Amino acid sequence: MNVYKYAPVLTIAGSDSGGGAGIQADIKTISSLGCYAASAITAVTVQNTLGVSGIHAIPVDIVCAQVKAVMDDIQPVAIKIGMVHSKELALALAATLQAYPQVPIVLDPVMISTSGHKLIEDETIAILKERLFPLAAIITPNLDEAAVLCGRKLESVRDMEEAADELLQHGSKAVLLKGGHLPGEKVYDVYCEANGMLLALEAPRIASNNVHGTGCTLSSAIASYLALGNTLLESVMQAKAYIAKAIEEGKDVVVGNGSGPVNHFFDPIKLQKYAVE
């Protein structure tokens, strides 16, 4: 008699009460791509489409206990990390996750919300680079986050390529630097791997006010495709296609009075199950 399992993905991130980003966006994305979503909540934000008005941190020991409870029982095959707002949490997560080196980590260094609200303490940035980046299969900063990490403005694709290579030196296997904040009719992302691969990925810009949580959604999609057995580059390309379609399908819908969410469920996939011995 066959025993079946799902493809579990753990998201470690903050909660968005507005439902468009953070844990909520992650769970929607993971579920819509046919994977099993588990979560460890790092903070509760007071948030809607207009912005963030408050952050309540979850105690570090409780965050790490959530991670261990999921990892030791459900055994996720991929991990996504989002909002890590304090150095204490960054250090504790690094120590906890070192016990699971076989599980690929997608790290989205969330620092600034879509509305411009700062979500991370300054002293945490160095710890992220020193302790969490080396554990990651891929990091996925946007233009503003990469500028903070590199300590300079990034104003061109060439700047992005140089920054991506610089960020790679902190130990992750790959970097996806998202260039959606650069002006122009096209959007450029830069993907590079430690093996020397460097790609500038071009896509048409989709005009939409509903782009809240796009970074959370993209990183969760990459983790989901990794969980389904794809390579890192395959996972990035499929995740980019997913987020583009999610933006396109949600651009004409009004949710709230600010930056609304993408349409995570434009074409949901049935929860996948696999026979195991």
C-alpha atoms as a PDB file:
ATOM      1  CA  MET A   1       0.000   0.000   0.000  1.00  0.00           C
ATOM      2  CA  ASN A   2       1.448   3.352  -1.049  1.00  0.00           C
ATOM      3  CA  VAL A   3       2.037   6.124   1.458  1.00  0.00           C
ATOM      4  CA  TYR A   4       1.630   9.635   0.080  1.00  0.00           C
ATOM      5  CA  LYS A   5       3.189  12.946   1.056  1.00  0.00           C
ATOM      6  CA  TYR A   6       2.732  16.555  -0.004  1.00  0.00           C
ATOM      7  CA  ALA A   7       5.575  18.959  -0.856  1.00  0.00           C
ATOM      8  CA  PRO A   8       5.749  21.074   2.342  1.00  0.00           C
ATOM      9  CA  VAL A   9       7.149  24.619   2.309  1.00  0.00           C
ATOM     10  CA  LEU A  10       7.848  26.574   5.507  1.00  0.00           C
ATOM     11  CA  THR A  11       7.504  30.347   5.428  1.00  0.00           C
ATOM     12  CA  ILE A  12       9.171  32.348   8.218  1.00  0.00           C
ATOM     13  CA  ALA A  13       7.771  35.870   8.006  1.00  0.00           C
ATOM     14  CA  GLY A  14       5.592  38.577   9.506  1.00  0.00           C
ATOM     15  CA  SER A  15       1.805  38.660   9.469  1.00  0.00           C
ATOM     16  CA  ASP A  16       0.024  41.274   7.307  1.00  0.00           C
ATOM     17  CA  SER A  17      -3.436  42.025   8.697  1.00  0.00           C
ATOM     18  CA  GLY A  18      -4.409  43.367   5.263  1.00  0.00           C
ATOM     19  CA  GLY A  19      -3.775  39.953   3.699  1.00  0.00           C
ATOM     20  CA  GLY A  20      -1.709  41.120   0.726  1.00  0.00           C
ATOM     21  CA  ALA A  21       1.856  40.505   1.875  1.00  0.00           C
ATOM     22  CA  GLY A  22       3.852  38.593   4.487  1.00  0.00           C
ATOM     23  CA  ILE A  23       2.667  35.244   5.819  1.00  0.00           C
ATOM     24  CA  GLN A  24      -0.723  35.670   4.186  1.00  0.00           C
ATOM     25  CA  ALA A  25       0.725  36.200   0.700  1.00  0.00           C
ATOM     26  CA  ASP A  26       3.177  33.353   1.267  1.00  0.00           C
ATOM     27  CA  ILE A  27       0.495  30.847   2.242  1.00  0.00           C
ATOM     28  CA  LYS A  28      -1.700  31.894  -0.690  1.00  0.00           C
ATOM     29  CA  THR A  29       1.205  31.498  -3.114  1.00  0.00           C
ATOM     30  CA  ILE A  30       2.442  28.179  -1.767  1.00  0.00           C
ATOM     31  CA  SER A  31      -1.098  26.782  -1.763  1.00  0.00           C
ATOM     32  CA  SER A  32      -1.913  28.039  -5.251  1.00  0.00           C
ATOM     33  CA  LEU A  33       1.178  26.269  -6.631  1.00  0.00           C
ATOM     34  CA  GLY A  34       0.174  22.895  -5.224  1.00  0.00           C
ATOM     35  CA  CYS A  35       2.427  22.762  -2.166  1.00  0.00           C
ATOM     36  CA  TYR A  36       1.622  22.387   1.535  1.00  0.00           C
ATOM     37  CA  ALA A  37       2.153  25.636   3.461  1.00  0.00           C
ATOM     38  CA  ALA A  38       3.450  25.744   7.039  1.00  0.00           C
ATOM     39  CA  SER A  39       4.447  28.936   8.855  1.00  0.00           C
ATOM     40  CA  ALA A  40       6.476  30.522  11.628  1.00  0.00           C
ATOM     41  CA  ILE A  41       5.320  34.062  12.383  1.00  0.00           C
ATOM     42  CA  THR A  42       8.085  36.529  13.302  1.00  0.00           C
ATOM     43  CA  ALA A  43       5.920  39.617  13.937  1.00  0.00           C
ATOM     44  CA  VAL A  44       2.353  40.872  13.771  1.00  0.00           C
ATOM     45  CA  THR A  45       1.959  44.048  11.750  1.00  0.00           C
ATOM     46  CA  VAL A  46      -0.929  46.500  11.886  1.00  0.00           C
ATOM     47  CA  GLN A  47      -1.319  46.952   8.170  1.00  0.00           C
ATOM     48  CA  ASN A  48      -3.715  47.569   5.299  1.00  0.00           C
ATOM     49  CA  THR A  49      -3.395  48.714   1.685  1.00  0.00           C
ATOM     50  CA  LEU A  50      -2.465  52.226   2.881  1.00  0.00           C
ATOM     51  CA  GLY A  51       0.570  51.173   4.899  1.00  0.00           C
ATOM     52  CA  VAL A  52       1.974  49.837   8.172  1.00  0.00           C
ATOM     53  CA  SER A  53       1.014  51.608  11.389  1.00  0.00           C
ATOM     54  CA  GLY A  54       2.402  49.212  13.975  1.00  0.00           C
ATOM     55  CA  ILE A  55       4.655  46.186  14.509  1.00  0.00           C
ATOM     56  CA  HIS A  56       4.526  43.732  17.421  1.00  0.00           C
ATOM     57  CA  ALA A  57       7.470  41.330  17.558  1.00  0.00           C
ATOM     58  CA  ILE A  58       6.920  37.697  18.474  1.00  0.00           C
ATOM     59  CA  PRO A  59       9.414  36.548  21.156  1.00  0.00           C
ATOM     60  CA  VAL A  60      12.521  35.057  19.564  1.00  0.00           C
ATOM     61  CA  ASP A  61      12.237  31.741  21.418  1.00  0.00           C
ATOM     62  CA  ILE A  62       8.664  31.323  20.196  1.00  0.00           C
ATOM     63  CA  VAL A  63       9.669  32.019  16.581  1.00  0.00           C
ATOM     64  CA  CYS A  64      12.437  29.421  16.727  1.00  0.00           C
ATOM     65  CA  ALA A  65      10.156  26.940  18.495  1.00  0.00           C
ATOM     66  CA  GLN A  66       7.662  27.326  15.627  1.00  0.00           C
ATOM     67  CA  VAL A  67      10.444  26.597  13.144  1.00  0.00           C
ATOM     68  CA  LYS A  68      11.641  23.502  15.018  1.00  0.00           C
ATOM     69  CA  ALA A  69       8.108  22.180  15.516  1.00  0.00           C
ATOM     70  CA  VAL A  70       7.476  22.304  11.782  1.00  0.00           C
ATOM     71  CA  MET A  71      10.914  21.154  10.630  1.00  0.00           C
ATOM     72  CA  ASP A  72      11.130  18.163  12.956  1.00  0.00           C
ATOM     73  CA  ASP A  73       7.625  16.866  12.257  1.00  0.00           C
ATOM     74  CA  ILE A  74       6.345  18.014   8.854  1.00  0.00           C
ATOM     75  CA  GLN A  75       9.863  18.167   7.346  1.00  0.00           C
ATOM     76  CA  PRO A  76       9.514  20.916   4.720  1.00  0.00           C
ATOM     77  CA  VAL A  77      11.589  20.508   1.567  1.00  0.00           C
ATOM     78  CA  ALA A  78      12.028  24.259   1.067  1.00  0.00           C
ATOM     79  CA  ILE A  79      12.037  27.332   3.311  1.00  0.00           C
ATOM     80  CA  LYS A  80      11.199  30.957   2.588  1.00  0.00           C
ATOM     81  CA  ILE A  81      12.379  33.675   4.991  1.00  0.00           C
ATOM     82  CA  GLY A  82      10.842  37.131   4.922  1.00  0.00           C
ATOM     83  CA  MET A  83      10.644  39.717   7.696  1.00  0.00           C
ATOM     84  CA  VAL A  84      13.490  39.350  10.219  1.00  0.00           C
ATOM     85  CA  HIS A  85      13.327  42.647  12.091  1.00  0.00           C
ATOM     86  CA  SER A  86      15.903  42.287  14.892  1.00  0.00           C
ATOM     87  CA  LYS A  87      19.488  41.123  15.282  1.00  0.00           C
ATOM     88  CA  GLU A  88      18.451  38.752  18.089  1.00  0.00           C
ATOM     89  CA  LEU A  89      16.001  37.013  15.779  1.00  0.00           C
ATOM     90  CA  ALA A  90      18.494  36.880  12.907  1.00  0.00           C
ATOM     91  CA  LEU A  91      21.118  35.256  15.150  1.00  0.00           C
ATOM     92  CA  ALA A  92      18.652  32.766  16.640  1.00  0.00           C
ATOM     93  CA  LEU A  93      17.224  31.780  13.246  1.00  0.00           C
ATOM     94  CA  ALA A  94      20.705  31.239  11.850  1.00  0.00           C
ATOM     95  CA  ALA A  95      21.546  28.952  14.760  1.00  0.00           C
ATOM     96  CA  THR A  96      18.260  27.054  14.420  1.00  0.00           C
ATOM     97  CA  LEU A  97      18.401  26.591  10.651  1.00  0.00           C
ATOM     98  CA  GLN A  98      21.971  25.288  10.671  1.00  0.00           C
ATOM     99  CA  ALA A  99      20.478  21.980  11.808  1.00  0.00           C
ATOM    100  CA  TYR A 100      18.742  21.569   8.416  1.00  0.00           C
ATOM    101  CA  PRO A 101      21.456  22.158   5.783  1.00  0.00           C
ATOM    102  CA  GLN A 102      19.745  19.903   3.240  1.00  0.00           C
ATOM    103  CA  VAL A 103      16.713  22.199   2.924  1.00  0.00           C
ATOM    104  CA  PRO A 104      17.100  25.089   0.420  1.00  0.00           C
ATOM    105  CA  ILE A 105      16.348  28.556   1.805  1.00  0.00           C
ATOM    106  CA  VAL A 106      14.922  31.438  -0.214  1.00  0.00           C
ATOM    107  CA  LEU A 107      15.730  34.626   1.699  1.00  0.00           C
ATOM    108  CA  ASP A 108      13.790  37.784   0.874  1.00  0.00           C
ATOM    109  CA  PRO A 109      15.531  40.513   2.906  1.00  0.00           C
ATOM    110  CA  VAL A 110      12.405  42.508   3.724  1.00  0.00           C
ATOM    111  CA  MET A 111      13.424  45.979   4.869  1.00  0.00           C
ATOM    112  CA  ILE A 112      10.932  48.471   3.466  1.00  0.00           C
ATOM    113  CA  SER A 113       7.222  47.970   2.799  1.00  0.00           C
ATOM    114  CA  THR A 114       5.584  48.975  -0.487  1.00  0.00           C
ATOM    115  CA  SER A 115       4.317  52.110   1.274  1.00  0.00           C
ATOM    116  CA  GLY A 116       7.851  53.050   2.371  1.00  0.00           C
ATOM    117  CA  HIS A 117       7.573  51.951   6.022  1.00  0.00           C
ATOM    118  CA  LYS A 118      10.866  50.654   7.443  1.00  0.00           C
ATOM    119  CA  LEU A 119      10.468  47.090   8.725  1.00  0.00           C
ATOM    120  CA  ILE A 120      13.959  46.267  10.015  1.00  0.00           C
ATOM    121  CA  GLU A 121      16.416  47.626  12.572  1.00  0.00           C
ATOM    122  CA  ASP A 122      19.691  49.063  11.227  1.00  0.00           C
ATOM    123  CA  GLU A 123      21.920  46.787  13.292  1.00  0.00           C
ATOM    124  CA  THR A 124      20.109  43.733  11.931  1.00  0.00           C
ATOM    125  CA  ILE A 125      21.411  44.274   8.390  1.00  0.00           C
ATOM    126  CA  ALA A 126      25.001  43.268   9.204  1.00  0.00           C
ATOM    127  CA  ILE A 127      23.774  40.107  10.965  1.00  0.00           C
ATOM    128  CA  LEU A 128      21.644  39.171   7.958  1.00  0.00           C
ATOM    129  CA  LYS A 129      24.670  39.400   5.691  1.00  0.00           C
ATOM    130  CA  GLU A 130      27.024  37.602   8.060  1.00  0.00           C
ATOM    131  CA  ARG A 131      24.812  34.798   9.391  1.00  0.00           C
ATOM    132  CA  LEU A 132      21.734  34.230   7.222  1.00  0.00           C
ATOM    133  CA  PHE A 133      22.969  34.980   3.689  1.00  0.00           C
ATOM    134  CA  PRO A 134      25.498  32.090   3.797  1.00  0.00           C
ATOM    135  CA  LEU A 135      22.669  29.662   4.591  1.00  0.00           C
ATOM    136  CA  ALA A 136      20.563  30.743   1.605  1.00  0.00           C
ATOM    137  CA  ALA A 137      20.223  29.057  -1.760  1.00  0.00           C
ATOM    138  CA  ILE A 138      19.123  32.451  -3.089  1.00  0.00           C
ATOM    139  CA  ILE A 139      18.469  35.966  -1.802  1.00  0.00           C
ATOM    140  CA  THR A 140      15.877  38.169  -3.533  1.00  0.00           C
ATOM    141  CA  PRO A 141      16.341  41.872  -2.652  1.00  0.00           C
ATOM    142  CA  ASN A 142      14.553  44.595  -4.566  1.00  0.00           C
ATOM    143  CA  LEU A 143      16.339  47.710  -5.780  1.00  0.00           C
ATOM    144  CA  ASP A 144      15.861  49.681  -2.549  1.00  0.00           C
ATOM    145  CA  GLU A 145      16.897  46.753  -0.344  1.00  0.00           C
ATOM    146  CA  ALA A 146      19.981  46.092  -2.468  1.00  0.00           C
ATOM    147  CA  ALA A 147      20.897  49.779  -2.187  1.00  0.00           C
ATOM    148  CA  VAL A 148      20.717  49.513   1.619  1.00  0.00           C
ATOM    149  CA  LEU A 149      22.737  46.289   1.623  1.00  0.00           C
ATOM    150  CA  CYS A 150      25.422  47.725  -0.670  1.00  0.00           C
ATOM    151  CA  GLY A 151      25.414  51.234   0.783  1.00  0.00           C
ATOM    152  CA  ARG A 152      24.838  53.088  -2.492  1.00  0.00           C
ATOM    153  CA  LYS A 153      22.112  54.037  -4.974  1.00  0.00           C
ATOM    154  CA  LEU A 154      21.486  51.719  -7.890  1.00  0.00           C
ATOM    155  CA  GLU A 155      20.355  53.570 -11.002  1.00  0.00           C
ATOM    156  CA  SER A 156      20.934  51.220 -13.937  1.00  0.00           C
ATOM    157  CA  VAL A 157      21.046  47.577 -14.951  1.00  0.00           C
ATOM    158  CA  ARG A 158      24.821  47.803 -14.861  1.00  0.00           C
ATOM    159  CA  ASP A 159      24.641  49.028 -11.254  1.00  0.00           C
ATOM    160  CA  MET A 160      22.370  46.082 -10.503  1.00  0.00           C
ATOM    161  CA  GLU A 161      24.798  43.587 -12.034  1.00  0.00           C
ATOM    162  CA  GLU A 162      27.656  44.951  -9.944  1.00  0.00           C
ATOM    163  CA  ALA A 163      25.508  44.942  -6.799  1.00  0.00           C
ATOM    164  CA  ALA A 164      24.300  41.381  -7.406  1.00  0.00           C
ATOM    165  CA  ASP A 165      27.881  40.173  -7.746  1.00  0.00           C
ATOM    166  CA  GLU A 166      28.818  42.053  -4.565  1.00  0.00           C
ATOM    167  CA  LEU A 167      25.909  40.528  -2.638  1.00  0.00           C
ATOM    168  CA  LEU A 168      26.903  37.071  -3.856  1.00  0.00           C
ATOM    169  CA  GLN A 169      30.164  37.447  -1.945  1.00  0.00           C
ATOM    170  CA  HIS A 170      28.236  37.133   1.332  1.00  0.00           C
ATOM    171  CA  GLY A 171      27.788  33.420   0.736  1.00  0.00           C
ATOM    172  CA  SER A 172      24.429  32.625  -0.862  1.00  0.00           C
ATOM    173  CA  LYS A 173      24.450  30.308  -3.879  1.00  0.00           C
ATOM    174  CA  ALA A 174      22.556  32.828  -6.010  1.00  0.00           C
ATOM    175  CA  VAL A 175      21.094  36.343  -6.066  1.00  0.00           C
ATOM    176  CA  LEU A 176      17.967  37.632  -7.797  1.00  0.00           C
ATOM    177  CA  LEU A 177      18.078  41.435  -7.702  1.00  0.00           C
ATOM    178  CA  LYS A 178      14.664  42.811  -8.658  1.00  0.00           C
ATOM    179  CA  GLY A 179      14.681  46.017 -10.682  1.00  0.00           C
ATOM    180  CA  GLY A 180      11.007  46.890 -10.757  1.00  0.00           C
ATOM    181  CA  HIS A 181      11.684  50.285  -9.151  1.00  0.00           C
ATOM    182  CA  LEU A 182      13.824  51.423 -12.074  1.00  0.00           C
ATOM    183  CA  PRO A 183      11.831  53.669 -14.475  1.00  0.00           C
ATOM    184  CA  GLY A 184      10.992  52.493 -17.972  1.00  0.00           C
ATOM    185  CA  GLU A 185       8.546  50.454 -20.018  1.00  0.00           C
ATOM    186  CA  LYS A 186      10.460  47.267 -19.330  1.00  0.00           C
ATOM    187  CA  VAL A 187      11.416  45.665 -16.026  1.00  0.00           C
ATOM    188  CA  TYR A 188      14.871  44.159 -15.553  1.00  0.00           C
ATOM    189  CA  ASP A 189      15.881  41.656 -12.904  1.00  0.00           C
ATOM    190  CA  VAL A 190      19.449  40.450 -12.508  1.00  0.00           C
ATOM    191  CA  TYR A 191      20.117  36.800 -11.662  1.00  0.00           C
ATOM    192  CA  CYS A 192      23.572  35.521 -10.809  1.00  0.00           C
ATOM    193  CA  GLU A 193      25.000  32.313  -9.378  1.00  0.00           C
ATOM    194  CA  ALA A 194      28.236  31.547  -7.589  1.00  0.00           C
ATOM    195  CA  ASN A 195      29.331  29.482 -10.622  1.00  0.00           C
ATOM    196  CA  GLY A 196      29.665  32.688 -12.650  1.00  0.00           C
ATOM    197  CA  MET A 197      26.282  32.734 -14.385  1.00  0.00           C
ATOM    198  CA  LEU A 198      24.927  36.283 -14.818  1.00  0.00           C
ATOM    199  CA  LEU A 199      21.613  36.993 -16.541  1.00  0.00           C
ATOM    200  CA  ALA A 200      19.690  40.220 -17.083  1.00  0.00           C
ATOM    201  CA  LEU A 201      16.043  39.131 -17.290  1.00  0.00           C
ATOM    202  CA  GLU A 202      13.756  41.468 -19.246  1.00  0.00           C
ATOM    203  CA  ALA A 203       9.956  41.633 -18.993  1.00  0.00           C
ATOM    204  CA  PRO A 204       7.268  44.151 -19.973  1.00  0.00           C
ATOM    205  CA  ARG A 205       6.053  46.432 -17.194  1.00  0.00           C
ATOM    206  CA  ILE A 206       2.443  45.781 -16.170  1.00  0.00           C
ATOM    207  CA  ALA A 207       0.581  48.949 -15.206  1.00  0.00           C
ATOM    208  CA  SER A 208      -1.166  48.197 -11.922  1.00  0.00           C
ATOM    209  CA  ASN A 209      -1.824  49.805  -8.554  1.00  0.00           C
ATOM    210  CA  ASN A 210      -2.104  46.342  -7.035  1.00  0.00           C
ATOM    211  CA  VAL A 211       1.511  45.398  -6.357  1.00  0.00           C
ATOM    212  CA  HIS A 212       1.467  45.027  -2.566  1.00  0.00           C
ATOM    213  CA  GLY A 213       3.269  41.842  -1.551  1.00  0.00           C
ATOM    214  CA  THR A 214       4.904  41.122  -4.898  1.00  0.00           C
ATOM    215  CA  GLY A 215       8.281  40.419  -3.278  1.00  0.00           C
ATOM    216  CA  CYS A 216       6.758  38.037  -0.736  1.00  0.00           C
ATOM    217  CA  THR A 217       4.826  36.308  -3.485  1.00  0.00           C
ATOM    218  CA  LEU A 218       7.837  35.914  -5.782  1.00  0.00           C
ATOM    219  CA  SER A 219      10.119  34.481  -3.093  1.00  0.00           C
ATOM    220  CA  SER A 220       7.416  32.066  -1.924  1.00  0.00           C
ATOM    221  CA  ALA A 221       6.882  30.964  -5.507  1.00  0.00           C
ATOM    222  CA  ILE A 222      10.602  30.269  -5.909  1.00  0.00           C
ATOM    223  CA  ALA A 223      10.536  28.162  -2.723  1.00  0.00           C
ATOM    224  CA  SER A 224       7.451  26.301  -3.979  1.00  0.00           C
ATOM    225  CA  TYR A 225       9.003  25.451  -7.332  1.00  0.00           C
ATOM    226  CA  LEU A 226      12.157  24.272  -5.545  1.00  0.00           C
ATOM    227  CA  ALA A 227       9.972  22.050  -3.345  1.00  0.00           C
ATOM    228  CA  LEU A 228       8.460  20.557  -6.493  1.00  0.00           C
ATOM    229  CA  GLY A 229      11.896  19.442  -7.691  1.00  0.00           C
ATOM    230  CA  ASN A 230      12.996  22.212 -10.043  1.00  0.00           C
ATOM    231  CA  THR A 231      16.498  23.664 -10.276  1.00  0.00           C
ATOM    232  CA  LEU A 232      17.225  27.113  -8.870  1.00  0.00           C
ATOM    233  CA  LEU A 233      17.150  28.846 -12.265  1.00  0.00           C
ATOM    234  CA  GLU A 234      14.030  26.930 -13.335  1.00  0.00           C
ATOM    235  CA  SER A 235      12.340  27.934 -10.076  1.00  0.00           C
ATOM    236  CA  VAL A 236      13.223  31.610 -10.597  1.00  0.00           C
ATOM    237  CA  MET A 237      11.921  31.645 -14.176  1.00  0.00           C
ATOM    238  CA  GLN A 238       8.687  29.871 -13.271  1.00  0.00           C
ATOM    239  CA  ALA A 239       8.176  32.143 -10.253  1.00  0.00           C
ATOM    240  CA  LYS A 240       8.678  35.227 -12.434  1.00  0.00           C
ATOM    241  CA  ALA A 241       6.038  33.929 -14.847  1.00  0.00           C
ATOM    242  CA  TYR A 242       3.676  33.280 -11.932  1.00  0.00           C
ATOM    243  CA  ILE A 243       4.029  36.757 -10.394  1.00  0.00           C
ATOM    244  CA  ALA A 244       3.639  38.442 -13.792  1.00  0.00           C
ATOM    245  CA  LYS A 245       0.349  36.605 -14.358  1.00  0.00           C
ATOM    246  CA  ALA A 246      -0.788  37.307 -10.782  1.00  0.00           C
ATOM    247  CA  ILE A 247      -0.204  41.040 -11.317  1.00  0.00           C
ATOM    248  CA  GLU A 248      -1.932  40.984 -14.710  1.00  0.00           C
ATOM    249  CA  GLU A 249      -4.979  39.126 -13.398  1.00  0.00           C
ATOM    250  CA  GLY A 250      -5.351  41.407 -10.361  1.00  0.00           C
ATOM    251  CA  LYS A 251      -4.695  44.815 -11.918  1.00  0.00           C
ATOM    252  CA  ASP A 252      -8.359  45.788 -12.423  1.00  0.00           C
ATOM    253  CA  VAL A 253      -9.656  44.769  -8.990  1.00  0.00           C
ATOM    254  CA  VAL A 254     -10.097  47.262  -6.150  1.00  0.00           C
ATOM    255  CA  VAL A 255      -9.147  46.060  -2.657  1.00  0.00           C
ATOM    256  CA  GLY A 256      -8.939  48.884  -0.129  1.00  0.00           C
ATOM    257  CA  ASN A 257      -7.913  52.455  -0.848  1.00  0.00           C
ATOM    258  CA  GLY A 258      -4.180  52.015  -1.442  1.00  0.00           C
ATOM    259  CA  SER A 259      -1.840  49.492  -3.033  1.00  0.00           C
ATOM    260  CA  GLY A 260      -3.891  46.325  -3.362  1.00  0.00           C
ATOM    261  CA  PRO A 261      -2.775  42.689  -3.633  1.00  0.00           C
ATOM    262  CA  VAL A 262      -2.033  40.604  -6.685  1.00  0.00           C
ATOM    263  CA  ASN A 263      -4.362  37.766  -7.698  1.00  0.00           C
ATOM    264  CA  HIS A 264      -2.663  34.738  -6.168  1.00  0.00           C
ATOM    265  CA  PHE A 265      -5.392  32.335  -7.241  1.00  0.00           C
ATOM    266  CA  PHE A 266      -5.711  33.124 -10.960  1.00  0.00           C
ATOM    267  CA  ASP A 267      -5.131  29.443 -11.789  1.00  0.00           C
ATOM    268  CA  PRO A 268      -4.664  27.366  -8.617  1.00  0.00           C
ATOM    269  CA  ILE A 269      -3.059  23.939  -8.807  1.00  0.00           C
ATOM    270  CA  LYS A 270      -4.483  21.004  -6.887  1.00  0.00           C
ATOM    271  CA  LEU A 271      -2.416  20.075  -3.823  1.00  0.00           C
ATOM    272  CA  GLN A 272       0.222  17.683  -5.158  1.00  0.00           C
ATOM    273  CA  LYS A 273       0.896  14.361  -3.469  1.00  0.00           C
ATOM    274  CA  TYR A 274       3.716  11.914  -4.020  1.00  0.00           C
ATOM    275  CA  ALA A 275       4.036   8.203  -3.277  1.00  0.00           C
ATOM    276  CA  VAL A 276       6.878   7.347  -0.913  1.00  0.00           C
ATOM    277  CA  GLU A 277       8.296   4.056   0.292  1.00  0.00           C
END
